[in-house]
Protein backbone atom coordinates (compact mmCIF):
# COMPACT_ATOMS: atom_id res chain seq x y z
CA ALA A 1 135.66 138.02 75.95
CA ASN A 2 134.67 136.63 72.58
CA SER A 3 134.84 132.85 72.80
CA ASN A 4 134.20 132.48 69.07
CA LEU A 5 137.58 133.77 67.95
CA LYS A 6 139.08 132.11 64.89
CA TYR A 7 142.75 131.19 65.27
CA LEU A 8 145.09 130.76 62.32
CA ILE A 9 148.48 129.12 62.81
CA ALA A 10 150.93 129.84 59.99
CA GLY A 11 153.78 127.36 60.24
CA THR A 12 153.14 124.04 61.93
CA GLY A 13 156.52 122.86 63.11
CA GLY A 14 157.22 122.23 66.78
CA VAL A 15 156.03 125.63 67.98
CA GLY A 16 153.06 126.17 65.66
CA GLY A 17 151.95 122.55 65.93
CA SER A 18 152.01 122.72 69.72
CA ILE A 19 150.05 125.97 69.81
CA ALA A 20 147.49 124.52 67.39
CA ALA A 21 147.13 121.33 69.43
CA PHE A 22 146.68 123.08 72.78
CA LEU A 23 144.18 125.58 71.33
CA SER A 24 142.24 122.77 69.65
CA LEU A 25 142.27 120.71 72.84
CA SER A 26 140.69 123.63 74.71
CA GLY A 27 137.88 123.81 72.15
CA LYS A 28 139.06 126.77 70.08
CA ASP A 29 138.39 127.20 66.35
CA VAL A 30 141.84 126.49 64.88
CA THR A 31 143.06 126.34 61.29
CA CYS A 32 146.63 125.51 60.33
CA ILE A 33 148.61 126.68 57.34
CA ALA A 34 151.24 124.20 56.21
CA ARG A 35 153.03 123.29 53.03
CA GLY A 36 154.33 120.22 51.28
CA GLU A 37 154.96 117.22 53.50
CA HIS A 38 153.81 119.14 56.60
CA LEU A 39 150.23 119.22 55.30
CA ALA A 40 149.71 115.47 54.82
CA PRO A 41 149.64 114.40 58.51
CA TYR A 42 146.59 116.58 59.18
CA ALA A 43 144.41 114.13 57.25
CA GLU A 44 145.12 111.63 60.03
CA GLY A 45 144.83 114.19 62.81
CA LEU A 46 147.28 116.37 64.70
CA GLN A 47 149.20 114.27 67.22
CA LEU A 48 149.79 115.80 70.64
CA HIS A 49 152.22 114.09 73.01
CA SER A 50 152.17 116.10 76.22
CA ASP A 51 153.41 115.28 79.71
CA LEU A 52 150.76 117.70 80.98
CA LYS A 53 147.78 116.85 78.75
CA GLY A 54 148.55 113.29 77.64
CA GLU A 55 148.19 111.75 74.19
CA HIS A 56 145.67 113.15 71.74
CA CYS A 57 144.82 112.92 68.04
CA LEU A 58 143.06 116.16 67.10
CA LYS A 59 141.09 116.94 63.98
CA VAL A 60 142.37 120.34 62.89
CA ALA A 61 141.61 121.99 59.55
CA ALA A 62 144.75 122.52 57.47
CA PHE A 63 145.37 124.30 54.19
CA THR A 64 148.20 125.65 52.13
CA ALA A 65 148.52 129.44 52.26
CA GLU A 66 147.19 129.59 48.69
CA GLU A 67 144.12 127.44 49.49
CA PHE A 68 143.05 129.27 52.62
CA GLN A 69 140.38 131.88 51.88
CA GLY A 70 138.97 132.40 55.37
CA LYS A 71 139.35 135.13 57.94
CA ALA A 72 141.04 134.93 61.32
CA ASP A 73 140.80 136.99 64.50
CA VAL A 74 144.18 135.85 65.81
CA ILE A 75 147.14 134.82 63.63
CA PHE A 76 150.17 133.04 65.07
CA VAL A 77 153.17 133.44 62.78
CA CYS A 78 155.36 130.42 63.50
CA VAL A 79 157.46 130.23 60.35
CA LYS A 80 161.20 130.70 60.28
CA GLY A 81 162.41 134.22 59.58
CA TYR A 82 163.44 133.48 56.01
CA SER A 83 159.90 132.24 55.22
CA VAL A 84 157.97 135.27 56.50
CA ASP A 85 157.80 136.85 53.03
CA SER A 86 156.02 133.75 51.74
CA ILE A 87 153.04 134.31 54.05
CA THR A 88 152.74 138.11 53.87
CA GLU A 89 149.85 137.86 51.38
CA LEU A 90 148.11 135.29 53.57
CA ILE A 91 148.29 137.59 56.60
CA LYS A 92 146.90 140.53 54.63
CA ARG A 93 144.02 138.37 53.31
CA ALA A 94 143.17 136.69 56.59
């Protein structure tokens, strides 16, 4: 298996944020796509509060969909249904 996969998480609420944190904790190459007020906390680090894994502050790259110009091997789409259209271009690009 390719251990150098690039993971992109589109939507960083409870589900996307958790996936990003657990992937990052296991050493994966993770980038998050967020917007507005959801982007700001990444400057401080992604906070993981887990009964299983404990407390962690993880440095995870984060961009708006418009800013992100990279490529991803795996894309997790974790936005609400009504927001899917807003990331269609991102998915095609990435």
